[in-house]
Amino acid sequence: MLIKINESESEFVAFVDGLKQHYSEATAAGAAKKAIINHVSVVNDLRKTKRKLERLEDILEEIKNIKQQQKGLQQALDILTN
């Protein structure tokens, strides 16, 4: 999607200047490139973290199931030994 931007508009100029300053770049293109690379990196890290969290949740569920089975087995053992 293309957006028409008035490059002389004060808000846009301030945005570009802030972007250049934040990324220590002399040009808007250089700052935009760094911003895009940073965004992609953050998104990739979030996806990795989400996958790790999902695996940990699966492991927790397995542990809960094992504890429940262990409880049942202990009760059966108690019945057999009493």
PDB file of N, CA and C in Angstrom:
ATOM      1  N   MET A   1       0.842  -1.166   0.000  1.00  0.00           N
ATOM      2  CA  MET A   1       0.000   0.000   0.000  1.00  0.00           C
ATOM      3  C   MET A   1       0.894   1.238   0.000  1.00  0.00           C
ATOM      4  N   LEU A   2       0.616   2.122  -0.882  1.00  0.00           N
ATOM      5  CA  LEU A   2       1.390   3.359  -0.956  1.00  0.00           C
ATOM      6  C   LEU A   2       0.634   4.487  -0.271  1.00  0.00           C
ATOM      7  N   ILE A   3       1.388   5.287   0.438  1.00  0.00           N
ATOM      8  CA  ILE A   3       0.813   6.439   1.125  1.00  0.00           C
ATOM      9  C   ILE A   3       1.521   7.681   0.612  1.00  0.00           C
ATOM     10  N   LYS A   4       0.748   8.681   0.247  1.00  0.00           N
ATOM     11  CA  LYS A   4       1.345   9.925  -0.219  1.00  0.00           C
ATOM     12  C   LYS A   4       1.691  10.776   0.999  1.00  0.00           C
ATOM     13  N   ILE A   5       2.933  11.190   1.095  1.00  0.00           N
ATOM     14  CA  ILE A   5       3.407  11.969   2.239  1.00  0.00           C
ATOM     15  C   ILE A   5       3.953  13.299   1.753  1.00  0.00           C
ATOM     16  N   ASN A   6       3.557  14.335   2.441  1.00  0.00           N
ATOM     17  CA  ASN A   6       4.109  15.656   2.171  1.00  0.00           C
ATOM     18  C   ASN A   6       5.400  15.764   2.983  1.00  0.00           C
ATOM     19  N   GLU A   7       6.526  15.619   2.325  1.00  0.00           N
ATOM     20  CA  GLU A   7       7.820  15.570   3.012  1.00  0.00           C
ATOM     21  C   GLU A   7       8.221  16.877   3.665  1.00  0.00           C
ATOM     22  N   SER A   8       7.539  17.955   3.340  1.00  0.00           N
ATOM     23  CA  SER A   8       7.881  19.234   3.967  1.00  0.00           C
ATOM     24  C   SER A   8       6.995  19.524   5.178  1.00  0.00           C
ATOM     25  N   GLU A   9       6.036  18.659   5.450  1.00  0.00           N
ATOM     26  CA  GLU A   9       5.157  18.842   6.607  1.00  0.00           C
ATOM     27  C   GLU A   9       5.978  18.739   7.893  1.00  0.00           C
ATOM     28  N   SER A  10       5.723  19.633   8.824  1.00  0.00           N
ATOM     29  CA  SER A  10       6.549  19.741  10.035  1.00  0.00           C
ATOM     30  C   SER A  10       6.541  18.457  10.869  1.00  0.00           C
ATOM     31  N   GLU A  11       5.409  17.787  10.966  1.00  0.00           N
ATOM     32  CA  GLU A  11       5.351  16.540  11.745  1.00  0.00           C
ATOM     33  C   GLU A  11       6.239  15.466  11.124  1.00  0.00           C
ATOM     34  N   PHE A  12       6.201  15.390   9.789  1.00  0.00           N
ATOM     35  CA  PHE A  12       7.019  14.392   9.103  1.00  0.00           C
ATOM     36  C   PHE A  12       8.500  14.711   9.268  1.00  0.00           C
ATOM     37  N   VAL A  13       8.850  15.974   9.128  1.00  0.00           N
ATOM     38  CA  VAL A  13      10.248  16.395   9.284  1.00  0.00           C
ATOM     39  C   VAL A  13      10.736  16.069  10.696  1.00  0.00           C
ATOM     40  N   ALA A  14       9.922  16.346  11.698  1.00  0.00           N
ATOM     41  CA  ALA A  14      10.290  16.048  13.090  1.00  0.00           C
ATOM     42  C   ALA A  14      10.447  14.550  13.294  1.00  0.00           C
ATOM     43  N   PHE A  15       9.541  13.761  12.696  1.00  0.00           N
ATOM     44  CA  PHE A  15       9.619  12.307  12.804  1.00  0.00           C
ATOM     45  C   PHE A  15      10.926  11.791  12.199  1.00  0.00           C
ATOM     46  N   VAL A  16      11.238  12.252  11.004  1.00  0.00           N
ATOM     47  CA  VAL A  16      12.460  11.816  10.316  1.00  0.00           C
ATOM     48  C   VAL A  16      13.698  12.241  11.107  1.00  0.00           C
ATOM     49  N   ASP A  17      13.705  13.465  11.608  1.00  0.00           N
ATOM     50  CA  ASP A  17      14.841  13.928  12.409  1.00  0.00           C
ATOM     51  C   ASP A  17      15.007  13.076  13.668  1.00  0.00           C
ATOM     52  N   GLY A  18      13.898  12.758  14.309  1.00  0.00           N
ATOM     53  CA  GLY A  18      13.956  11.900  15.505  1.00  0.00           C
ATOM     54  C   GLY A  18      14.461  10.512  15.179  1.00  0.00           C
ATOM     55  N   LEU A  19      14.010   9.985  14.055  1.00  0.00           N
ATOM     56  CA  LEU A  19      14.451   8.659  13.609  1.00  0.00           C
ATOM     57  C   LEU A  19      15.950   8.663  13.321  1.00  0.00           C
ATOM     58  N   LYS A  20      16.415   9.683  12.617  1.00  0.00           N
ATOM     59  CA  LYS A  20      17.849   9.787  12.303  1.00  0.00           C
ATOM     60  C   LYS A  20      18.666   9.914  13.583  1.00  0.00           C
ATOM     61  N   GLN A  21      18.182  10.703  14.521  1.00  0.00           N
ATOM     62  CA  GLN A  21      18.913  10.890  15.774  1.00  0.00           C
ATOM     63  C   GLN A  21      18.919   9.602  16.593  1.00  0.00           C
ATOM     64  N   HIS A  22      17.770   8.940  16.672  1.00  0.00           N
ATOM     65  CA  HIS A  22      17.667   7.712  17.466  1.00  0.00           C
ATOM     66  C   HIS A  22      18.618   6.630  16.959  1.00  0.00           C
ATOM     67  N   TYR A  23      18.709   6.494  15.653  1.00  0.00           N
ATOM     68  CA  TYR A  23      19.559   5.451  15.064  1.00  0.00           C
ATOM     69  C   TYR A  23      20.939   5.965  14.665  1.00  0.00           C
ATOM     70  N   SER A  24      21.276   7.184  15.044  1.00  0.00           N
ATOM     71  CA  SER A  24      22.596   7.780  14.755  1.00  0.00           C
ATOM     72  C   SER A  24      22.945   7.657  13.275  1.00  0.00           C
ATOM     73  N   GLU A  25      22.018   8.041  12.438  1.00  0.00           N
ATOM     74  CA  GLU A  25      22.201   7.969  10.990  1.00  0.00           C
ATOM     75  C   GLU A  25      22.112   9.367  10.392  1.00  0.00           C
ATOM     76  N   ALA A  26      22.850   9.567   9.320  1.00  0.00           N
ATOM     77  CA  ALA A  26      22.858  10.867   8.642  1.00  0.00           C
ATOM     78  C   ALA A  26      21.679  11.010   7.679  1.00  0.00           C
ATOM     79  N   THR A  27      21.146   9.877   7.214  1.00  0.00           N
ATOM     80  CA  THR A  27      20.058   9.949   6.236  1.00  0.00           C
ATOM     81  C   THR A  27      18.816   9.247   6.758  1.00  0.00           C
ATOM     82  N   ALA A  28      17.681   9.657   6.234  1.00  0.00           N
ATOM     83  CA  ALA A  28      16.415   9.022   6.607  1.00  0.00           C
ATOM     84  C   ALA A  28      16.398   7.569   6.141  1.00  0.00           C
ATOM     85  N   ALA A  29      16.980   7.311   4.969  1.00  0.00           N
ATOM     86  CA  ALA A  29      17.003   5.944   4.444  1.00  0.00           C
ATOM     87  C   ALA A  29      17.807   5.019   5.358  1.00  0.00           C
ATOM     88  N   GLY A  30      18.939   5.499   5.823  1.00  0.00           N
ATOM     89  CA  GLY A  30      19.759   4.697   6.734  1.00  0.00           C
ATOM     90  C   GLY A  30      19.043   4.428   8.044  1.00  0.00           C
ATOM     91  N   ALA A  31      18.368   5.446   8.574  1.00  0.00           N
ATOM     92  CA  ALA A  31      17.623   5.282   9.822  1.00  0.00           C
ATOM     93  C   ALA A  31      16.441   4.332   9.629  1.00  0.00           C
ATOM     94  N   ALA A  32      15.748   4.475   8.503  1.00  0.00           N
ATOM     95  CA  ALA A  32      14.609   3.593   8.224  1.00  0.00           C
ATOM     96  C   ALA A  32      15.070   2.150   8.081  1.00  0.00           C
ATOM     97  N   LYS A  33      16.202   1.945   7.424  1.00  0.00           N
ATOM     98  CA  LYS A  33      16.740   0.591   7.270  1.00  0.00           C
ATOM     99  C   LYS A  33      17.038  -0.009   8.638  1.00  0.00           C
ATOM    100  N   LYS A  34      17.682   0.764   9.506  1.00  0.00           N
ATOM    101  CA  LYS A  34      17.991   0.260  10.853  1.00  0.00           C
ATOM    102  C   LYS A  34      16.706  -0.026  11.630  1.00  0.00           C
ATOM    103  N   ALA A  35      15.708   0.837  11.477  1.00  0.00           N
ATOM    104  CA  ALA A  35      14.436   0.635  12.180  1.00  0.00           C
ATOM    105  C   ALA A  35      13.759  -0.650  11.710  1.00  0.00           C
ATOM    106  N   ILE A  36      13.789  -0.902  10.413  1.00  0.00           N
ATOM    107  CA  ILE A  36      13.175  -2.122   9.859  1.00  0.00           C
ATOM    108  C   ILE A  36      13.933  -3.352  10.338  1.00  0.00           C
ATOM    109  N   ILE A  37      15.249  -3.302  10.283  1.00  0.00           N
ATOM    110  CA  ILE A  37      16.063  -4.432  10.744  1.00  0.00           C
ATOM    111  C   ILE A  37      15.797  -4.694  12.219  1.00  0.00           C
ATOM    112  N   ASN A  38      15.718  -3.631  13.015  1.00  0.00           N
ATOM    113  CA  ASN A  38      15.433  -3.772  14.436  1.00  0.00           C
ATOM    114  C   ASN A  38      14.063  -4.401  14.657  1.00  0.00           C
ATOM    115  N   HIS A  39      13.081  -3.941  13.906  1.00  0.00           N
ATOM    116  CA  HIS A  39      11.722  -4.474  14.032  1.00  0.00           C
ATOM    117  C   HIS A  39      11.688  -5.965  13.701  1.00  0.00           C
ATOM    118  N   VAL A  40      12.315  -6.342  12.618  1.00  0.00           N
ATOM    119  CA  VAL A  40      12.344  -7.747  12.200  1.00  0.00           C
ATOM    120  C   VAL A  40      13.023  -8.598  13.267  1.00  0.00           C
ATOM    121  N   SER A  41      14.115  -8.089  13.815  1.00  0.00           N
ATOM    122  CA  SER A  41      14.830  -8.810  14.861  1.00  0.00           C
ATOM    123  C   SER A  41      13.955  -9.009  16.096  1.00  0.00           C
ATOM    124  N   VAL A  42      13.250  -7.966  16.499  1.00  0.00           N
ATOM    125  CA  VAL A  42      12.369  -8.054  17.675  1.00  0.00           C
ATOM    126  C   VAL A  42      11.244  -9.053  17.420  1.00  0.00           C
ATOM    127  N   VAL A  43      10.655  -8.997  16.233  1.00  0.00           N
ATOM    128  CA  VAL A  43       9.569  -9.922  15.895  1.00  0.00           C
ATOM    129  C   VAL A  43      10.077 -11.361  15.926  1.00  0.00           C
ATOM    130  N   ASN A  44      11.257 -11.601  15.370  1.00  0.00           N
ATOM    131  CA  ASN A  44      11.821 -12.956  15.386  1.00  0.00           C
ATOM    132  C   ASN A  44      12.083 -13.424  16.809  1.00  0.00           C
ATOM    133  N   ASP A  45      12.610 -12.545  17.651  1.00  0.00           N
ATOM    134  CA  ASP A  45      12.854 -12.907  19.052  1.00  0.00           C
ATOM    135  C   ASP A  45      11.545 -13.221  19.769  1.00  0.00           C
ATOM    136  N   LEU A  46      10.507 -12.445  19.490  1.00  0.00           N
ATOM    137  CA  LEU A  46       9.203 -12.704  20.105  1.00  0.00           C
ATOM    138  C   LEU A  46       8.641 -14.055  19.674  1.00  0.00           C
ATOM    139  N   ARG A  47       8.817 -14.396  18.403  1.00  0.00           N
ATOM    140  CA  ARG A  47       8.341 -15.703  17.917  1.00  0.00           C
ATOM    141  C   ARG A  47       9.076 -16.837  18.607  1.00  0.00           C
ATOM    142  N   LYS A  48      10.402 -16.691  18.762  1.00  0.00           N
ATOM    143  CA  LYS A  48      11.184 -17.715  19.455  1.00  0.00           C
ATOM    144  C   LYS A  48      10.734 -17.848  20.903  1.00  0.00           C
ATOM    145  N   THR A  49      10.509 -16.721  21.551  1.00  0.00           N
ATOM    146  CA  THR A  49      10.067 -16.734  22.946  1.00  0.00           C
ATOM    147  C   THR A  49       8.690 -17.382  23.070  1.00  0.00           C
ATOM    148  N   LYS A  50       7.822 -17.099  22.112  1.00  0.00           N
ATOM    149  CA  LYS A  50       6.487 -17.702  22.125  1.00  0.00           C
ATOM    150  C   LYS A  50       6.574 -19.217  21.983  1.00  0.00           C
ATOM    151  N   ARG A  51       7.437 -19.689  21.086  1.00  0.00           N
ATOM    152  CA  ARG A  51       7.606 -21.138  20.911  1.00  0.00           C
ATOM    153  C   ARG A  51       8.151 -21.778  22.188  1.00  0.00           C
ATOM    154  N   LYS A  52       9.115 -21.107  22.841  1.00  0.00           N
ATOM    155  CA  LYS A  52       9.662 -21.633  24.090  1.00  0.00           C
ATOM    156  C   LYS A  52       8.584 -21.692  25.164  1.00  0.00           C
ATOM    157  N   LEU A  53       7.778 -20.645  25.251  1.00  0.00           N
ATOM    158  CA  LEU A  53       6.694 -20.609  26.236  1.00  0.00           C
ATOM    159  C   LEU A  53       5.695 -21.734  25.980  1.00  0.00           C
ATOM    160  N   GLU A  54       5.354 -21.951  24.722  1.00  0.00           N
ATOM    161  CA  GLU A  54       4.415 -23.028  24.387  1.00  0.00           C
ATOM    162  C   GLU A  54       4.989 -24.384  24.772  1.00  0.00           C
ATOM    163  N   ARG A  55       6.295 -24.587  24.529  1.00  0.00           N
ATOM    164  CA  ARG A  55       6.929 -25.855  24.933  1.00  0.00           C
ATOM    165  C   ARG A  55       6.905 -26.011  26.449  1.00  0.00           C
ATOM    166  N   LEU A  56       7.192 -24.928  27.175  1.00  0.00           N
ATOM    167  CA  LEU A  56       7.164 -24.995  28.634  1.00  0.00           C
ATOM    168  C   LEU A  56       5.760 -25.294  29.154  1.00  0.00           C
ATOM    169  N   GLU A  57       4.757 -24.716  28.513  1.00  0.00           N
ATOM    170  CA  GLU A  57       3.374 -25.008  28.913  1.00  0.00           C
ATOM    171  C   GLU A  57       3.039 -26.476  28.668  1.00  0.00           C
ATOM    172  N   ASP A  58       3.507 -27.043  27.552  1.00  0.00           N
ATOM    173  CA  ASP A  58       3.292 -28.465  27.268  1.00  0.00           C
ATOM    174  C   ASP A  58       3.988 -29.340  28.314  1.00  0.00           C
ATOM    175  N   ILE A  59       5.210 -28.966  28.666  1.00  0.00           N
ATOM    176  CA  ILE A  59       5.957 -29.719  29.670  1.00  0.00           C
ATOM    177  C   ILE A  59       5.247 -29.660  31.018  1.00  0.00           C
ATOM    178  N   LEU A  60       4.753 -28.477  31.388  1.00  0.00           N
ATOM    179  CA  LEU A  60       4.018 -28.329  32.643  1.00  0.00           C
ATOM    180  C   LEU A  60       2.783 -29.221  32.651  1.00  0.00           C
ATOM    181  N   GLU A  61       2.092 -29.282  31.545  1.00  0.00           N
ATOM    182  CA  GLU A  61       0.903 -30.139  31.445  1.00  0.00           C
ATOM    183  C   GLU A  61       1.290 -31.608  31.609  1.00  0.00           C
ATOM    184  N   GLU A  62       2.403 -32.009  31.011  1.00  0.00           N
ATOM    185  CA  GLU A  62       2.884 -33.387  31.169  1.00  0.00           C
ATOM    186  C   GLU A  62       3.212 -33.689  32.627  1.00  0.00           C
ATOM    187  N   ILE A  63       3.852 -32.737  33.298  1.00  0.00           N
ATOM    188  CA  ILE A  63       4.202 -32.920  34.709  1.00  0.00           C
ATOM    189  C   ILE A  63       2.935 -33.084  35.542  1.00  0.00           C
ATOM    190  N   LYS A  64       1.932 -32.259  35.266  1.00  0.00           N
ATOM    191  CA  LYS A  64       0.668 -32.381  35.994  1.00  0.00           C
ATOM    192  C   LYS A  64       0.045 -33.755  35.784  1.00  0.00           C
ATOM    193  N   ASN A  65       0.074 -34.255  34.538  1.00  0.00           N
ATOM    194  CA  ASN A  65      -0.481 -35.574  34.242  1.00  0.00           C
ATOM    195  C   ASN A  65       0.293 -36.671  34.970  1.00  0.00           C
ATOM    196  N   ILE A  66       1.604 -36.545  34.988  1.00  0.00           N
ATOM    197  CA  ILE A  66       2.438 -37.542  35.670  1.00  0.00           C
ATOM    198  C   ILE A  66       2.149 -37.539  37.165  1.00  0.00           C
ATOM    199  N   LYS A  67       2.028 -36.357  37.758  1.00  0.00           N
ATOM    200  CA  LYS A  67       1.717 -36.265  39.192  1.00  0.00           C
ATOM    201  C   LYS A  67       0.358 -36.896  39.488  1.00  0.00           C
ATOM    202  N   GLN A  68      -0.619 -36.679  38.614  1.00  0.00           N
ATOM    203  CA  GLN A  68      -1.947 -37.275  38.799  1.00  0.00           C
ATOM    204  C   GLN A  68      -1.856 -38.796  38.711  1.00  0.00           C
ATOM    205  N   GLN A  69      -1.108 -39.291  37.738  1.00  0.00           N
ATOM    206  CA  GLN A  69      -0.923 -40.737  37.609  1.00  0.00           C
ATOM    207  C   GLN A  69      -0.196 -41.299  38.822  1.00  0.00           C
ATOM    208  N   GLN A  70       0.797 -40.557  39.301  1.00  0.00           N
ATOM    209  CA  GLN A  70       1.571 -40.986  40.458  1.00  0.00           C
ATOM    210  C   GLN A  70       0.652 -41.096  41.683  1.00  0.00           C
ATOM    211  N   LYS A  71      -0.251 -40.128  41.840  1.00  0.00           N
ATOM    212  CA  LYS A  71      -1.201 -40.151  42.943  1.00  0.00           C
ATOM    213  C   LYS A  71      -2.076 -41.405  42.872  1.00  0.00           C
ATOM    214  N   GLY A  72      -2.586 -41.684  41.681  1.00  0.00           N
ATOM    215  CA  GLY A  72      -3.437 -42.865  41.486  1.00  0.00           C
ATOM    216  C   GLY A  72      -2.685 -44.142  41.770  1.00  0.00           C
ATOM    217  N   LEU A  73      -1.433 -44.209  41.305  1.00  0.00           N
ATOM    218  CA  LEU A  73      -0.625 -45.403  41.551  1.00  0.00           C
ATOM    219  C   LEU A  73      -0.319 -45.562  43.038  1.00  0.00           C
ATOM    220  N   GLN A  74      -0.072 -44.460  43.724  1.00  0.00           N
ATOM    221  CA  GLN A  74       0.205 -44.519  45.153  1.00  0.00           C
ATOM    222  C   GLN A  74      -1.027 -45.016  45.918  1.00  0.00           C
ATOM    223  N   GLN A  75      -2.198 -44.524  45.511  1.00  0.00           N
ATOM    224  CA  GLN A  75      -3.437 -44.984  46.160  1.00  0.00           C
ATOM    225  C   GLN A  75      -3.652 -46.478  45.928  1.00  0.00           C
ATOM    226  N   ALA A  76      -3.400 -46.944  44.704  1.00  0.00           N
ATOM    227  CA  ALA A  76      -3.546 -48.363  44.395  1.00  0.00           C
ATOM    228  C   ALA A  76      -2.542 -49.171  45.211  1.00  0.00           C
ATOM    229  N   LEU A  77      -1.328 -48.691  45.334  1.00  0.00           N
ATOM    230  CA  LEU A  77      -0.297 -49.388  46.108  1.00  0.00           C
ATOM    231  C   LEU A  77      -0.688 -49.448  47.582  1.00  0.00           C
ATOM    232  N   ASP A  78      -1.226 -48.356  48.097  1.00  0.00           N
ATOM    233  CA  ASP A  78      -1.669 -48.317  49.496  1.00  0.00           C
ATOM    234  C   ASP A  78      -2.777 -49.346  49.746  1.00  0.00           C
ATOM    235  N   ILE A  79      -3.704 -49.436  48.784  1.00  0.00           N
ATOM    236  CA  ILE A  79      -4.801 -50.397  48.923  1.00  0.00           C
ATOM    237  C   ILE A  79      -4.263 -51.828  48.921  1.00  0.00           C
ATOM    238  N   LEU A  80      -3.303 -52.095  48.043  1.00  0.00           N
ATOM    239  CA  LEU A  80      -2.730 -53.440  47.926  1.00  0.00           C
ATOM    240  C   LEU A  80      -1.893 -53.822  49.151  1.00  0.00           C
ATOM    241  N   THR A  81      -1.253 -52.871  49.749  1.00  0.00           N
ATOM    242  CA  THR A  81      -0.347 -53.184  50.869  1.00  0.00           C
ATOM    243  C   THR A  81      -1.059 -53.134  52.226  1.00  0.00           C
ATOM    244  N   ASN A  82      -2.273 -52.647  52.287  1.00  0.00           N
ATOM    245  CA  ASN A  82      -2.989 -52.591  53.575  1.00  0.00           C
ATOM    246  C   ASN A  82      -3.897 -53.752  53.758  1.00  0.00           C
TER     247      ASN A  82
END
